N, C-alpha and C. Protein backbone atom coordinates (compact mmCIF):
# COMPACT_ATOMS: atom_id res chain seq x y z
N MET A 1 15.26 -10.61 -42.83
CA MET A 1 14.59 -9.33 -42.63
C MET A 1 15.63 -8.32 -42.14
N ASN A 2 15.65 -7.17 -42.76
CA ASN A 2 16.57 -6.11 -42.37
C ASN A 2 16.00 -5.30 -41.21
N TRP A 3 16.83 -5.05 -40.21
CA TRP A 3 16.41 -4.23 -39.08
C TRP A 3 16.56 -2.76 -39.45
N THR A 4 15.50 -1.99 -39.21
CA THR A 4 15.53 -0.55 -39.45
C THR A 4 14.97 0.16 -38.22
N LEU A 5 15.11 1.47 -38.19
CA LEU A 5 14.61 2.23 -37.05
C LEU A 5 13.10 2.02 -36.87
N LYS A 6 12.34 2.20 -37.95
CA LYS A 6 10.88 2.08 -37.86
C LYS A 6 10.38 0.67 -38.09
N GLY A 7 11.20 -0.21 -38.60
CA GLY A 7 10.79 -1.58 -38.86
C GLY A 7 10.12 -1.72 -40.22
N ASN A 8 9.76 -2.94 -40.54
CA ASN A 8 9.09 -3.24 -41.80
C ASN A 8 7.59 -3.34 -41.53
N PHE A 9 6.83 -2.50 -42.20
CA PHE A 9 5.38 -2.48 -42.00
C PHE A 9 4.73 -1.96 -43.27
N ASP A 10 3.44 -2.20 -43.38
CA ASP A 10 2.67 -1.72 -44.53
C ASP A 10 2.28 -0.27 -44.28
N PRO A 11 2.83 0.68 -45.04
CA PRO A 11 2.50 2.09 -44.81
C PRO A 11 1.01 2.41 -44.98
N ALA A 12 0.30 1.59 -45.73
CA ALA A 12 -1.12 1.84 -45.95
C ALA A 12 -1.99 1.27 -44.84
N ALA A 13 -1.39 0.49 -43.95
CA ALA A 13 -2.17 -0.11 -42.86
C ALA A 13 -2.65 0.96 -41.89
N LYS A 14 -3.70 0.60 -41.16
CA LYS A 14 -4.28 1.51 -40.16
C LYS A 14 -3.28 1.73 -39.02
N ASN A 15 -3.20 2.96 -38.54
CA ASN A 15 -2.33 3.26 -37.40
C ASN A 15 -2.83 2.53 -36.16
N SER A 16 -1.95 2.29 -35.23
CA SER A 16 -2.26 1.47 -34.06
C SER A 16 -3.08 2.23 -33.02
N THR A 17 -4.28 1.75 -32.76
CA THR A 17 -5.12 2.31 -31.70
C THR A 17 -4.47 2.07 -30.34
N PHE A 18 -3.86 0.90 -30.17
CA PHE A 18 -3.13 0.62 -28.94
C PHE A 18 -2.05 1.66 -28.71
N GLY A 19 -1.29 1.98 -29.75
CA GLY A 19 -0.22 2.96 -29.63
C GLY A 19 -0.73 4.33 -29.24
N TYR A 20 -1.82 4.75 -29.89
CA TYR A 20 -2.43 6.05 -29.54
C TYR A 20 -2.83 6.08 -28.06
N ALA A 21 -3.62 5.09 -27.67
CA ALA A 21 -4.18 5.07 -26.31
C ALA A 21 -3.08 4.95 -25.27
N TYR A 22 -2.14 4.06 -25.50
CA TYR A 22 -1.06 3.85 -24.54
C TYR A 22 -0.19 5.10 -24.39
N ALA A 23 0.12 5.76 -25.49
CA ALA A 23 0.92 6.98 -25.43
C ALA A 23 0.20 8.07 -24.64
N VAL A 24 -1.10 8.21 -24.83
CA VAL A 24 -1.87 9.22 -24.10
C VAL A 24 -1.91 8.89 -22.61
N ILE A 25 -2.10 7.62 -22.29
CA ILE A 25 -2.14 7.22 -20.88
C ILE A 25 -0.81 7.51 -20.19
N ILE A 26 0.28 7.15 -20.83
CA ILE A 26 1.60 7.40 -20.24
C ILE A 26 1.85 8.90 -20.13
N ALA A 27 1.43 9.66 -21.13
CA ALA A 27 1.62 11.11 -21.09
C ALA A 27 0.83 11.73 -19.94
N THR A 28 -0.38 11.25 -19.66
CA THR A 28 -1.15 11.80 -18.55
C THR A 28 -0.53 11.46 -17.20
N ILE A 29 0.09 10.29 -17.11
CA ILE A 29 0.76 9.91 -15.86
C ILE A 29 1.94 10.85 -15.58
N THR A 30 2.53 11.38 -16.66
CA THR A 30 3.68 12.28 -16.51
C THR A 30 3.36 13.46 -15.61
N PHE A 31 2.14 13.95 -15.66
CA PHE A 31 1.78 15.17 -14.94
C PHE A 31 0.95 14.92 -13.69
N GLN A 32 0.83 13.67 -13.27
CA GLN A 32 0.08 13.36 -12.06
C GLN A 32 0.99 13.35 -10.85
N SER A 33 0.58 14.06 -9.83
CA SER A 33 1.31 14.05 -8.57
C SER A 33 0.67 13.00 -7.67
N HIS A 34 1.49 12.28 -6.95
CA HIS A 34 0.96 11.24 -6.07
C HIS A 34 1.71 11.29 -4.74
N PRO A 35 0.98 11.34 -3.63
CA PRO A 35 1.61 11.48 -2.32
C PRO A 35 2.14 10.16 -1.74
N GLN A 36 1.97 9.06 -2.45
CA GLN A 36 2.44 7.77 -1.96
C GLN A 36 3.36 7.16 -3.01
N ARG A 37 3.84 5.97 -2.74
CA ARG A 37 4.74 5.31 -3.69
C ARG A 37 4.04 5.07 -5.03
N TYR A 38 4.82 4.92 -6.06
CA TYR A 38 4.31 4.67 -7.41
C TYR A 38 3.53 3.36 -7.40
N LYS A 39 2.40 3.33 -8.06
CA LYS A 39 1.53 2.16 -8.02
C LYS A 39 2.16 0.96 -8.73
N VAL A 40 2.19 -0.16 -8.04
CA VAL A 40 2.75 -1.39 -8.59
C VAL A 40 1.91 -1.85 -9.78
N GLY A 41 0.60 -1.66 -9.71
CA GLY A 41 -0.26 -2.03 -10.83
C GLY A 41 0.09 -1.29 -12.10
N THR A 42 0.41 -0.01 -11.97
CA THR A 42 0.82 0.78 -13.14
C THR A 42 2.11 0.21 -13.71
N CYS A 43 3.03 -0.16 -12.85
CA CYS A 43 4.28 -0.77 -13.31
C CYS A 43 4.02 -2.05 -14.08
N LEU A 44 3.12 -2.87 -13.56
CA LEU A 44 2.82 -4.14 -14.22
C LEU A 44 2.17 -3.92 -15.59
N VAL A 45 1.29 -2.95 -15.69
CA VAL A 45 0.67 -2.64 -16.99
C VAL A 45 1.73 -2.18 -17.98
N ILE A 46 2.64 -1.32 -17.55
CA ILE A 46 3.70 -0.84 -18.43
C ILE A 46 4.61 -1.98 -18.85
N LEU A 47 4.91 -2.88 -17.93
CA LEU A 47 5.76 -4.03 -18.28
C LEU A 47 5.06 -4.98 -19.24
N LEU A 48 3.77 -5.21 -19.04
CA LEU A 48 3.02 -6.07 -19.98
C LEU A 48 2.93 -5.41 -21.36
N ALA A 49 2.72 -4.11 -21.39
CA ALA A 49 2.69 -3.40 -22.66
C ALA A 49 4.07 -3.47 -23.32
N GLY A 50 5.13 -3.43 -22.52
CA GLY A 50 6.48 -3.58 -23.06
C GLY A 50 6.67 -4.93 -23.73
N LEU A 51 6.09 -5.99 -23.17
CA LEU A 51 6.14 -7.31 -23.79
C LEU A 51 5.43 -7.31 -25.15
N PHE A 52 4.25 -6.68 -25.19
CA PHE A 52 3.50 -6.60 -26.44
C PHE A 52 4.29 -5.80 -27.48
N ILE A 53 4.89 -4.70 -27.05
CA ILE A 53 5.70 -3.88 -27.96
C ILE A 53 6.89 -4.68 -28.47
N ALA A 54 7.53 -5.46 -27.59
CA ALA A 54 8.67 -6.28 -28.01
C ALA A 54 8.24 -7.30 -29.07
N LYS A 55 7.07 -7.92 -28.88
CA LYS A 55 6.56 -8.89 -29.84
C LYS A 55 6.34 -8.24 -31.21
N LYS A 56 5.69 -7.07 -31.21
CA LYS A 56 5.44 -6.37 -32.47
C LYS A 56 6.75 -5.88 -33.11
N ALA A 57 7.69 -5.43 -32.27
CA ALA A 57 8.97 -4.93 -32.78
C ALA A 57 9.79 -6.06 -33.40
N LEU A 58 9.79 -7.22 -32.77
CA LEU A 58 10.52 -8.36 -33.33
C LEU A 58 9.91 -8.80 -34.65
N ALA A 59 8.58 -8.79 -34.73
CA ALA A 59 7.90 -9.18 -35.95
C ALA A 59 8.19 -8.22 -37.11
N SER A 60 8.38 -6.95 -36.81
CA SER A 60 8.62 -5.97 -37.86
C SER A 60 10.09 -5.55 -37.95
N ALA A 61 10.95 -6.11 -37.12
CA ALA A 61 12.39 -5.79 -37.10
C ALA A 61 12.63 -4.30 -36.87
N SER A 62 12.02 -3.77 -35.82
CA SER A 62 12.13 -2.35 -35.51
C SER A 62 13.12 -2.11 -34.38
N ILE A 63 14.14 -1.32 -34.66
CA ILE A 63 15.12 -0.97 -33.64
C ILE A 63 14.47 -0.09 -32.56
N LEU A 64 13.65 0.86 -32.98
CA LEU A 64 12.96 1.72 -32.01
C LEU A 64 12.03 0.91 -31.13
N GLY A 65 11.34 -0.06 -31.71
CA GLY A 65 10.43 -0.89 -30.94
C GLY A 65 11.15 -1.70 -29.87
N ILE A 66 12.27 -2.30 -30.23
CA ILE A 66 13.05 -3.06 -29.25
C ILE A 66 13.59 -2.12 -28.18
N SER A 67 14.05 -0.94 -28.59
CA SER A 67 14.54 0.05 -27.63
C SER A 67 13.44 0.48 -26.67
N THR A 68 12.23 0.67 -27.18
CA THR A 68 11.09 1.05 -26.34
C THR A 68 10.77 -0.06 -25.34
N ALA A 69 10.79 -1.30 -25.80
CA ALA A 69 10.51 -2.43 -24.91
C ALA A 69 11.58 -2.53 -23.82
N ILE A 70 12.82 -2.34 -24.19
CA ILE A 70 13.90 -2.38 -23.20
C ILE A 70 13.76 -1.23 -22.21
N PHE A 71 13.43 -0.05 -22.71
CA PHE A 71 13.25 1.11 -21.83
C PHE A 71 12.10 0.89 -20.85
N SER A 72 11.10 0.13 -21.25
CA SER A 72 9.97 -0.18 -20.36
C SER A 72 10.42 -0.92 -19.11
N LEU A 73 11.57 -1.57 -19.18
CA LEU A 73 12.08 -2.31 -18.02
C LEU A 73 12.45 -1.38 -16.86
N VAL A 74 12.55 -0.09 -17.11
CA VAL A 74 12.80 0.88 -16.03
C VAL A 74 11.69 0.78 -14.98
N TRP A 75 10.49 0.38 -15.40
CA TRP A 75 9.36 0.31 -14.47
C TRP A 75 9.41 -0.91 -13.56
N VAL A 76 10.49 -1.69 -13.62
CA VAL A 76 10.73 -2.72 -12.61
C VAL A 76 11.23 -2.05 -11.33
N LEU A 77 11.94 -0.94 -11.48
CA LEU A 77 12.54 -0.25 -10.33
C LEU A 77 11.53 0.17 -9.26
N PRO A 78 10.37 0.77 -9.62
CA PRO A 78 9.43 1.13 -8.55
C PRO A 78 8.85 -0.08 -7.81
N ILE A 79 8.91 -1.25 -8.42
CA ILE A 79 8.41 -2.45 -7.75
C ILE A 79 9.38 -2.88 -6.65
N VAL A 80 10.68 -2.75 -6.93
CA VAL A 80 11.67 -3.22 -5.96
C VAL A 80 12.17 -2.11 -5.02
N ASP A 81 11.97 -0.85 -5.40
CA ASP A 81 12.41 0.27 -4.56
C ASP A 81 11.29 1.31 -4.51
N LYS A 82 10.67 1.44 -3.36
CA LYS A 82 9.50 2.32 -3.25
C LYS A 82 9.83 3.79 -3.43
N ASN A 83 11.10 4.17 -3.41
CA ASN A 83 11.47 5.58 -3.57
C ASN A 83 11.62 6.01 -5.02
N VAL A 84 11.70 5.05 -5.93
CA VAL A 84 11.81 5.40 -7.36
C VAL A 84 10.46 5.94 -7.82
N PHE A 85 10.48 7.06 -8.50
CA PHE A 85 9.27 7.74 -8.99
C PHE A 85 8.37 8.21 -7.85
N TYR A 86 8.90 8.34 -6.63
CA TYR A 86 8.08 8.80 -5.51
C TYR A 86 7.71 10.26 -5.68
N HIS A 87 8.62 11.06 -6.19
CA HIS A 87 8.37 12.48 -6.41
C HIS A 87 8.35 12.78 -7.90
N VAL A 88 7.56 13.75 -8.28
CA VAL A 88 7.53 14.20 -9.67
C VAL A 88 8.73 15.14 -9.83
N ASP A 89 9.79 14.59 -10.40
CA ASP A 89 11.00 15.37 -10.63
C ASP A 89 11.44 15.20 -12.08
N GLY A 90 12.62 15.66 -12.38
CA GLY A 90 13.10 15.59 -13.76
C GLY A 90 13.20 14.17 -14.29
N TRP A 91 13.68 13.24 -13.47
CA TRP A 91 13.80 11.84 -13.88
C TRP A 91 12.42 11.24 -14.16
N PHE A 92 11.46 11.52 -13.30
CA PHE A 92 10.09 11.03 -13.46
C PHE A 92 9.51 11.54 -14.79
N MET A 93 9.62 12.84 -15.01
CA MET A 93 9.04 13.44 -16.21
C MET A 93 9.76 12.98 -17.47
N LEU A 94 11.08 12.88 -17.43
CA LEU A 94 11.83 12.43 -18.60
C LEU A 94 11.49 11.00 -18.96
N ALA A 95 11.43 10.11 -17.97
CA ALA A 95 11.13 8.70 -18.24
C ALA A 95 9.75 8.54 -18.86
N HIS A 96 8.75 9.19 -18.28
CA HIS A 96 7.38 9.04 -18.79
C HIS A 96 7.20 9.70 -20.16
N SER A 97 7.74 10.89 -20.33
CA SER A 97 7.56 11.57 -21.61
C SER A 97 8.33 10.86 -22.73
N ALA A 98 9.51 10.33 -22.42
CA ALA A 98 10.27 9.59 -23.44
C ALA A 98 9.53 8.32 -23.86
N LEU A 99 8.97 7.62 -22.89
CA LEU A 99 8.20 6.41 -23.21
C LEU A 99 6.97 6.77 -24.04
N ALA A 100 6.26 7.81 -23.65
CA ALA A 100 5.06 8.22 -24.39
C ALA A 100 5.40 8.60 -25.83
N MET A 101 6.49 9.33 -26.02
CA MET A 101 6.89 9.73 -27.38
C MET A 101 7.31 8.52 -28.21
N ALA A 102 8.05 7.60 -27.62
CA ALA A 102 8.48 6.41 -28.36
C ALA A 102 7.29 5.56 -28.78
N VAL A 103 6.32 5.41 -27.89
CA VAL A 103 5.13 4.61 -28.23
C VAL A 103 4.29 5.33 -29.28
N ALA A 104 4.17 6.65 -29.18
CA ALA A 104 3.42 7.41 -30.19
C ALA A 104 4.07 7.26 -31.56
N PHE A 105 5.38 7.29 -31.61
CA PHE A 105 6.08 7.08 -32.88
C PHE A 105 5.79 5.67 -33.40
N GLY A 106 5.78 4.70 -32.49
CA GLY A 106 5.49 3.32 -32.88
C GLY A 106 4.08 3.14 -33.42
N ALA A 107 3.13 3.96 -32.96
CA ALA A 107 1.75 3.85 -33.44
C ALA A 107 1.67 4.10 -34.95
N PHE A 108 2.62 4.86 -35.47
CA PHE A 108 2.63 5.16 -36.89
C PHE A 108 3.59 4.29 -37.68
N SER A 109 4.24 3.35 -37.01
CA SER A 109 5.19 2.49 -37.72
C SER A 109 5.05 1.02 -37.31
N TYR A 110 5.93 0.52 -36.47
CA TYR A 110 5.96 -0.91 -36.20
C TYR A 110 4.75 -1.47 -35.47
N LEU A 111 3.96 -0.62 -34.81
CA LEU A 111 2.75 -1.10 -34.11
C LEU A 111 1.51 -1.14 -35.00
N LYS A 112 1.67 -0.75 -36.27
CA LYS A 112 0.50 -0.75 -37.17
C LYS A 112 -0.10 -2.14 -37.25
N ASN A 113 -1.40 -2.19 -37.38
CA ASN A 113 -2.11 -3.48 -37.47
C ASN A 113 -1.86 -4.15 -38.79
């Protein structure tokens, strides 16, 4: 199987509902202010979704999918350091918006059902 940016998938297949929903959820988190440390539960959900994305990316040989799954590992940092993502700043917004965009792109390619 040849590795490509979007991976190998059936263009006629239905777009991924998981990809749509997950991208919207991550995008909404981008603009939420929180006065306490970043929620560990949110980190765990993002990490579990990263595992699912990695599985789909490996199955379709998608470079973007593997990159998205690897980028999801950034959410290990708030678990081990309570100051990561504590404030809504440029790093917070860039990380969340980049993940949301990558997953949205995946909804139309390697995450297709």
